[in-house]
Amino acid sequence: MHIRNHRDFWAGIMFIAIGAGFMILSTQYQIGSAGKMGPGYFPFVLGGLMTFLGIIIALSGMAKGAVEAKLSSVGWRELFLVLLAVALFAGLLNSMGVIVALVAMIFVASFASHEFGWLATIGTSIVLCIMAWAIFVVGLELQFPLWPTFLTR
């Protein structure tokens, strides 16, 4: 068969690989049944659904009616900045608190976009910090430090 839509085909292959990986790794835990679920049941079922959707998406990329589409180049700089932002958030969360970690993550991730400016980044930081405080600290009462640990002592 001829691949007509390379984007759909390779997205489907990626879904299949990730879903199959979850299914394989979840077998290390007790899976159980739908009536008595074990810790591996949920990741196994979600991995199966993801694999199934991946097959459908990959096949749709090879269908005769599929729109022709080629792959575009990967934005390695953008990908690196987003991953760096997430790693920075994880590294700063316990020592610097939710507010500082969130602001650092947003500022680093904003450099990955060609559309964001400083005002939008600052506005996003303020809104997300308020939402994170309201949801995680007030609403869910999670024990994340809100501010750096050296300021709370």
Protein backbone atom coordinates (compact mmCIF):
# COMPACT_ATOMS: atom_id res chain seq x y z
CA MET A 1 0.00 0.00 0.00
CA HIS A 2 1.01 3.57 -0.61
CA ILE A 3 1.30 6.03 2.27
CA ARG A 4 -0.64 9.13 1.23
CA ASN A 5 -0.72 11.11 4.48
CA HIS A 6 2.68 10.70 6.13
CA ARG A 7 1.66 12.76 9.17
CA ASP A 8 -1.29 10.51 10.02
CA PHE A 9 0.65 7.35 9.27
CA TRP A 10 3.62 8.18 11.49
CA ALA A 11 1.39 9.59 14.25
CA GLY A 12 -0.46 6.26 14.19
CA ILE A 13 2.83 4.34 14.40
CA MET A 14 3.86 6.49 17.37
CA PHE A 15 0.51 5.78 19.11
CA ILE A 16 0.94 2.05 18.44
CA ALA A 17 4.47 2.04 19.89
CA ILE A 18 3.51 3.99 23.03
CA GLY A 19 0.31 2.01 23.57
CA ALA A 20 2.08 -1.33 23.10
CA GLY A 21 4.82 -0.15 25.47
CA PHE A 22 2.25 0.64 28.16
CA MET A 23 0.58 -2.72 27.64
CA ILE A 24 3.88 -4.58 27.93
CA LEU A 25 5.07 -2.63 30.99
CA SER A 26 1.71 -2.96 32.75
CA THR A 27 2.03 -6.75 32.74
CA GLN A 28 4.66 -6.37 35.46
CA TYR A 29 1.76 -5.56 37.78
CA GLN A 30 -1.28 -7.61 38.64
CA ILE A 31 -3.88 -6.78 35.99
CA GLY A 32 -6.97 -8.36 37.52
CA SER A 33 -10.35 -8.09 35.84
CA ALA A 34 -12.98 -5.42 35.20
CA GLY A 35 -14.76 -6.47 38.39
CA LYS A 36 -11.61 -6.52 40.53
CA MET A 37 -9.02 -4.26 38.95
CA GLY A 38 -5.37 -4.59 39.81
CA PRO A 39 -2.76 -1.82 39.51
CA GLY A 40 -1.90 -2.87 35.96
CA TYR A 41 -5.47 -2.91 34.65
CA PHE A 42 -5.89 0.78 33.86
CA PRO A 43 -2.55 1.25 32.00
CA PHE A 44 -3.14 -2.02 30.13
CA VAL A 45 -6.61 -0.98 28.94
CA LEU A 46 -5.49 2.56 28.04
CA GLY A 47 -2.48 1.14 26.21
CA GLY A 48 -4.80 -1.16 24.29
CA LEU A 49 -7.09 1.73 23.36
CA MET A 50 -4.13 3.82 22.29
CA THR A 51 -2.79 0.96 20.16
CA PHE A 52 -6.22 0.48 18.57
CA LEU A 53 -6.52 4.20 17.79
CA GLY A 54 -2.98 4.16 16.40
CA ILE A 55 -3.90 1.37 14.01
CA ILE A 56 -6.96 3.30 12.81
CA ILE A 57 -4.95 6.52 12.35
CA ALA A 58 -2.09 4.74 10.54
CA LEU A 59 -4.51 2.97 8.21
CA SER A 60 -6.34 6.24 7.52
CA GLY A 61 -3.03 7.68 6.34
CA MET A 62 -2.83 4.90 3.77
CA ALA A 63 -6.47 5.11 2.59
CA LYS A 64 -7.21 6.05 -1.00
CA GLY A 65 -9.24 9.09 0.06
CA ALA A 66 -6.54 10.44 2.39
CA VAL A 67 -5.26 13.93 1.72
CA GLU A 68 -1.64 13.93 0.55
CA ALA A 69 0.59 15.31 3.30
CA LYS A 70 4.32 15.08 3.86
CA LEU A 71 6.17 15.36 7.15
CA SER A 72 7.55 18.73 8.07
CA SER A 73 10.89 19.15 9.78
CA VAL A 74 11.14 18.69 13.53
CA GLY A 75 11.62 21.87 15.57
CA TRP A 76 14.47 20.55 17.72
CA ARG A 77 15.02 23.89 19.45
CA GLU A 78 11.35 24.13 20.44
CA LEU A 79 11.24 20.51 21.54
CA PHE A 80 14.35 20.97 23.69
CA LEU A 81 12.99 24.16 25.31
CA VAL A 82 9.67 22.56 26.24
CA LEU A 83 11.40 19.51 27.72
CA LEU A 84 13.84 21.77 29.55
CA ALA A 85 10.92 23.79 30.96
CA VAL A 86 9.24 20.65 32.33
CA ALA A 87 12.52 19.37 33.81
CA LEU A 88 13.16 22.79 35.36
CA PHE A 89 9.70 22.75 36.95
CA ALA A 90 10.32 19.29 38.39
CA GLY A 91 13.72 20.30 39.70
CA LEU A 92 12.57 23.55 41.29
CA LEU A 93 9.22 22.44 42.76
CA ASN A 94 10.38 21.10 46.14
CA SER A 95 13.06 23.68 46.89
CA MET A 96 11.64 26.84 45.31
CA GLY A 97 7.90 26.23 45.58
CA VAL A 98 5.03 26.14 43.11
CA ILE A 99 5.07 29.85 42.24
CA VAL A 100 8.77 30.14 41.33
CA ALA A 101 8.81 26.74 39.56
CA LEU A 102 5.72 27.60 37.52
CA VAL A 103 7.00 31.04 36.51
CA ALA A 104 10.38 29.56 35.50
CA MET A 105 8.66 26.86 33.46
CA ILE A 106 6.42 29.35 31.65
CA PHE A 107 9.28 31.73 30.84
CA VAL A 108 11.53 28.97 29.46
CA ALA A 109 8.67 27.40 27.48
CA SER A 110 7.67 30.79 26.06
CA PHE A 111 10.97 30.95 24.18
CA ALA A 112 9.82 27.91 22.21
CA SER A 113 6.99 29.92 20.65
CA HIS A 114 7.39 32.46 17.89
CA GLU A 115 4.09 34.13 18.82
CA PHE A 116 4.46 34.93 22.52
CA GLY A 117 5.82 38.22 23.76
CA TRP A 118 6.84 39.37 27.22
CA LEU A 119 3.44 40.77 28.15
CA ALA A 120 1.64 37.55 27.22
CA THR A 121 4.21 35.51 29.14
CA ILE A 122 3.84 37.65 32.25
CA GLY A 123 0.04 37.54 31.99
CA THR A 124 0.08 33.78 31.54
CA SER A 125 2.38 33.41 34.54
CA ILE A 126 0.08 35.47 36.77
CA VAL A 127 -3.08 33.65 35.71
CA LEU A 128 -1.53 30.18 36.02
CA CYS A 129 0.01 30.95 39.42
CA ILE A 130 -3.39 32.07 40.74
CA MET A 131 -5.05 28.99 39.27
CA ALA A 132 -2.38 26.64 40.63
CA TRP A 133 -2.73 28.19 44.09
CA ALA A 134 -6.53 27.99 43.99
CA ILE A 135 -6.71 24.44 42.65
CA PHE A 136 -3.78 22.66 44.27
CA VAL A 137 -3.17 24.51 47.53
CA VAL A 138 -6.67 25.73 48.48
CA GLY A 139 -8.96 23.29 46.67
CA LEU A 140 -7.07 20.00 46.87
CA GLU A 141 -4.95 20.93 49.90
CA LEU A 142 -1.83 19.35 48.40
CA GLN A 143 1.33 19.75 50.43
CA PHE A 144 3.40 21.54 47.80
CA PRO A 145 5.43 24.44 49.12
CA LEU A 146 3.98 27.63 47.70
CA TRP A 147 7.13 29.74 48.08
CA PRO A 148 10.86 28.91 48.36
CA THR A 149 11.67 26.97 51.54
CA PHE A 150 14.18 29.57 52.74
CA LEU A 151 11.40 32.22 52.82
CA THR A 152 9.04 30.13 54.95
CA ARG A 153 11.40 29.46 57.83
